[in-house]
Amino acid sequence: MENTNPSPKIIALLAYLTIIGWIASLIFNNNNPSSLAKFHIRQALGVHLLFVAAGMVVAVPILGWIVGGLAWLFAFVLWLIGVLDAIAESEDKTVPILGNQFQEWFKTL
């Protein structure tokens, strides 16, 4: 039977496109594991969780909008860097500041 899985680059990029894309990339990567895809799946999960945390902080009255907005902006910059690294097929450049922790925390993925 013919392998219809997307390329590791597409799987890595898909991981950054919403949590649904992340789940799809995890499933695709389970069928045909790739170190590039695994690397970006871990990075993308960390960035997605950072977006969720920023959204929760925004719900806090008064300073929540400021702190949450800055956290969201930080998460967006990390997301953009991750997407660009996935396009460049880089698996040795983690996102700044938290990328190494994402690799450690999610090493079982």
C-alpha atoms as a PDB file:
ATOM      1  CA  MET A   1       0.000   0.000   0.000  1.00  0.00           C
ATOM      2  CA  GLU A   2       1.240   3.459  -0.851  1.00  0.00           C
ATOM      3  CA  ASN A   3       2.390   5.791   1.963  1.00  0.00           C
ATOM      4  CA  THR A   4       0.158   8.871   1.863  1.00  0.00           C
ATOM      5  CA  ASN A   5       1.652  10.605   4.907  1.00  0.00           C
ATOM      6  CA  PRO A   6       2.682  14.224   4.459  1.00  0.00           C
ATOM      7  CA  SER A   7       6.381  15.066   4.532  1.00  0.00           C
ATOM      8  CA  PRO A   8       8.040  15.730   7.909  1.00  0.00           C
ATOM      9  CA  LYS A   9       8.224  19.440   6.990  1.00  0.00           C
ATOM     10  CA  ILE A  10       4.444  19.598   6.465  1.00  0.00           C
ATOM     11  CA  ILE A  11       3.821  17.681   9.695  1.00  0.00           C
ATOM     12  CA  ALA A  12       6.110  20.102  11.579  1.00  0.00           C
ATOM     13  CA  LEU A  13       4.334  23.122  10.104  1.00  0.00           C
ATOM     14  CA  LEU A  14       0.894  21.648  10.767  1.00  0.00           C
ATOM     15  CA  ALA A  15       1.748  21.349  14.473  1.00  0.00           C
ATOM     16  CA  TYR A  16       1.744  25.146  14.785  1.00  0.00           C
ATOM     17  CA  LEU A  17      -1.633  25.618  13.079  1.00  0.00           C
ATOM     18  CA  THR A  18      -4.127  25.430  15.951  1.00  0.00           C
ATOM     19  CA  ILE A  19      -4.443  22.638  18.460  1.00  0.00           C
ATOM     20  CA  ILE A  20      -6.380  20.587  15.881  1.00  0.00           C
ATOM     21  CA  GLY A  21      -3.377  20.833  13.550  1.00  0.00           C
ATOM     22  CA  TRP A  22      -1.153  19.793  16.443  1.00  0.00           C
ATOM     23  CA  ILE A  23      -3.271  16.691  17.065  1.00  0.00           C
ATOM     24  CA  ALA A  24      -3.243  15.838  13.354  1.00  0.00           C
ATOM     25  CA  SER A  25       0.542  16.229  13.216  1.00  0.00           C
ATOM     26  CA  LEU A  26       0.900  13.938  16.230  1.00  0.00           C
ATOM     27  CA  ILE A  27      -1.217  11.282  14.496  1.00  0.00           C
ATOM     28  CA  PHE A  28       0.649  11.632  11.190  1.00  0.00           C
ATOM     29  CA  ASN A  29       3.991  11.418  12.975  1.00  0.00           C
ATOM     30  CA  ASN A  30       2.966   8.229  14.792  1.00  0.00           C
ATOM     31  CA  ASN A  31       2.521   6.509  11.416  1.00  0.00           C
ATOM     32  CA  ASN A  32       5.969   7.461  10.129  1.00  0.00           C
ATOM     33  CA  PRO A  33       8.131   9.027  12.902  1.00  0.00           C
ATOM     34  CA  SER A  34      10.470  11.865  12.012  1.00  0.00           C
ATOM     35  CA  SER A  35      12.878  13.681  14.322  1.00  0.00           C
ATOM     36  CA  LEU A  36      12.021  17.003  12.613  1.00  0.00           C
ATOM     37  CA  ALA A  37       8.310  16.513  13.224  1.00  0.00           C
ATOM     38  CA  LYS A  38       8.849  15.345  16.829  1.00  0.00           C
ATOM     39  CA  PHE A  39      10.975  18.403  17.568  1.00  0.00           C
ATOM     40  CA  HIS A  40       8.353  20.823  16.248  1.00  0.00           C
ATOM     41  CA  ILE A  41       5.447  18.934  17.818  1.00  0.00           C
ATOM     42  CA  ARG A  42       7.067  19.531  21.231  1.00  0.00           C
ATOM     43  CA  GLN A  43       7.836  23.183  20.443  1.00  0.00           C
ATOM     44  CA  ALA A  44       4.318  23.823  19.128  1.00  0.00           C
ATOM     45  CA  LEU A  45       2.652  22.228  22.159  1.00  0.00           C
ATOM     46  CA  GLY A  46       4.579  24.558  24.444  1.00  0.00           C
ATOM     47  CA  VAL A  47       3.600  27.585  22.376  1.00  0.00           C
ATOM     48  CA  HIS A  48      -0.070  26.507  22.295  1.00  0.00           C
ATOM     49  CA  LEU A  49      -0.068  26.114  26.076  1.00  0.00           C
ATOM     50  CA  LEU A  50       1.514  29.546  26.410  1.00  0.00           C
ATOM     51  CA  PHE A  51      -1.368  31.009  24.366  1.00  0.00           C
ATOM     52  CA  VAL A  52      -3.847  29.286  26.689  1.00  0.00           C
ATOM     53  CA  ALA A  53      -2.056  30.631  29.783  1.00  0.00           C
ATOM     54  CA  ALA A  54      -2.019  34.138  28.296  1.00  0.00           C
ATOM     55  CA  GLY A  55      -5.749  33.880  27.656  1.00  0.00           C
ATOM     56  CA  MET A  56      -6.331  32.866  31.265  1.00  0.00           C
ATOM     57  CA  VAL A  57      -4.302  35.817  32.552  1.00  0.00           C
ATOM     58  CA  VAL A  58      -6.364  38.220  30.436  1.00  0.00           C
ATOM     59  CA  ALA A  59      -9.420  37.145  32.452  1.00  0.00           C
ATOM     60  CA  VAL A  60      -7.893  38.603  35.638  1.00  0.00           C
ATOM     61  CA  PRO A  61      -9.354  42.042  36.415  1.00  0.00           C
ATOM     62  CA  ILE A  62      -7.323  45.263  36.048  1.00  0.00           C
ATOM     63  CA  LEU A  63      -3.732  44.195  35.233  1.00  0.00           C
ATOM     64  CA  GLY A  64      -4.813  41.039  33.442  1.00  0.00           C
ATOM     65  CA  TRP A  65      -5.263  42.824  30.132  1.00  0.00           C
ATOM     66  CA  ILE A  66      -1.784  44.304  30.258  1.00  0.00           C
ATOM     67  CA  VAL A  67       0.074  41.236  31.502  1.00  0.00           C
ATOM     68  CA  GLY A  68      -2.037  38.843  29.437  1.00  0.00           C
ATOM     69  CA  GLY A  69      -1.609  41.003  26.353  1.00  0.00           C
ATOM     70  CA  LEU A  70       2.158  41.015  26.778  1.00  0.00           C
ATOM     71  CA  ALA A  71       2.135  37.242  27.346  1.00  0.00           C
ATOM     72  CA  TRP A  72       0.009  36.791  24.221  1.00  0.00           C
ATOM     73  CA  LEU A  73       2.418  38.960  22.228  1.00  0.00           C
ATOM     74  CA  PHE A  74       5.350  36.905  23.546  1.00  0.00           C
ATOM     75  CA  ALA A  75       3.546  33.670  22.593  1.00  0.00           C
ATOM     76  CA  PHE A  76       2.821  35.065  19.125  1.00  0.00           C
ATOM     77  CA  VAL A  77       6.501  35.910  18.578  1.00  0.00           C
ATOM     78  CA  LEU A  78       7.493  32.384  19.690  1.00  0.00           C
ATOM     79  CA  TRP A  79       4.828  30.945  17.383  1.00  0.00           C
ATOM     80  CA  LEU A  80       6.130  32.954  14.436  1.00  0.00           C
ATOM     81  CA  ILE A  81       9.727  31.881  15.123  1.00  0.00           C
ATOM     82  CA  GLY A  82       8.595  28.250  15.391  1.00  0.00           C
ATOM     83  CA  VAL A  83       6.690  28.426  12.096  1.00  0.00           C
ATOM     84  CA  LEU A  84       9.675  29.971  10.319  1.00  0.00           C
ATOM     85  CA  ASP A  85      11.980  27.301  11.769  1.00  0.00           C
ATOM     86  CA  ALA A  86       9.575  24.566  10.617  1.00  0.00           C
ATOM     87  CA  ILE A  87       9.576  26.045   7.117  1.00  0.00           C
ATOM     88  CA  ALA A  88      13.384  26.103   7.179  1.00  0.00           C
ATOM     89  CA  GLU A  89      13.326  22.477   8.415  1.00  0.00           C
ATOM     90  CA  SER A  90      15.456  23.413  11.432  1.00  0.00           C
ATOM     91  CA  GLU A  91      15.429  20.924  14.293  1.00  0.00           C
ATOM     92  CA  ASP A  92      18.276  22.388  16.282  1.00  0.00           C
ATOM     93  CA  LYS A  93      16.901  25.892  16.925  1.00  0.00           C
ATOM     94  CA  THR A  94      14.452  25.984  19.796  1.00  0.00           C
ATOM     95  CA  VAL A  95      12.157  28.939  20.306  1.00  0.00           C
ATOM     96  CA  PRO A  96      13.830  31.572  22.509  1.00  0.00           C
ATOM     97  CA  ILE A  97      13.701  31.410  26.313  1.00  0.00           C
ATOM     98  CA  LEU A  98      11.336  28.433  26.735  1.00  0.00           C
ATOM     99  CA  GLY A  99      12.250  26.146  23.827  1.00  0.00           C
ATOM    100  CA  ASN A 100      14.703  23.978  25.762  1.00  0.00           C
ATOM    101  CA  GLN A 101      12.137  23.527  28.533  1.00  0.00           C
ATOM    102  CA  PHE A 102       9.489  22.537  25.969  1.00  0.00           C
ATOM    103  CA  GLN A 103      11.837  19.854  24.632  1.00  0.00           C
ATOM    104  CA  GLU A 104      12.479  18.563  28.164  1.00  0.00           C
ATOM    105  CA  TRP A 105       8.889  18.750  29.429  1.00  0.00           C
ATOM    106  CA  PHE A 106       7.381  17.043  26.384  1.00  0.00           C
ATOM    107  CA  LYS A 107      10.186  14.567  25.610  1.00  0.00           C
ATOM    108  CA  THR A 108       7.759  11.635  25.711  1.00  0.00           C
ATOM    109  CA  LEU A 109       5.910  12.891  22.609  1.00  0.00           C
END
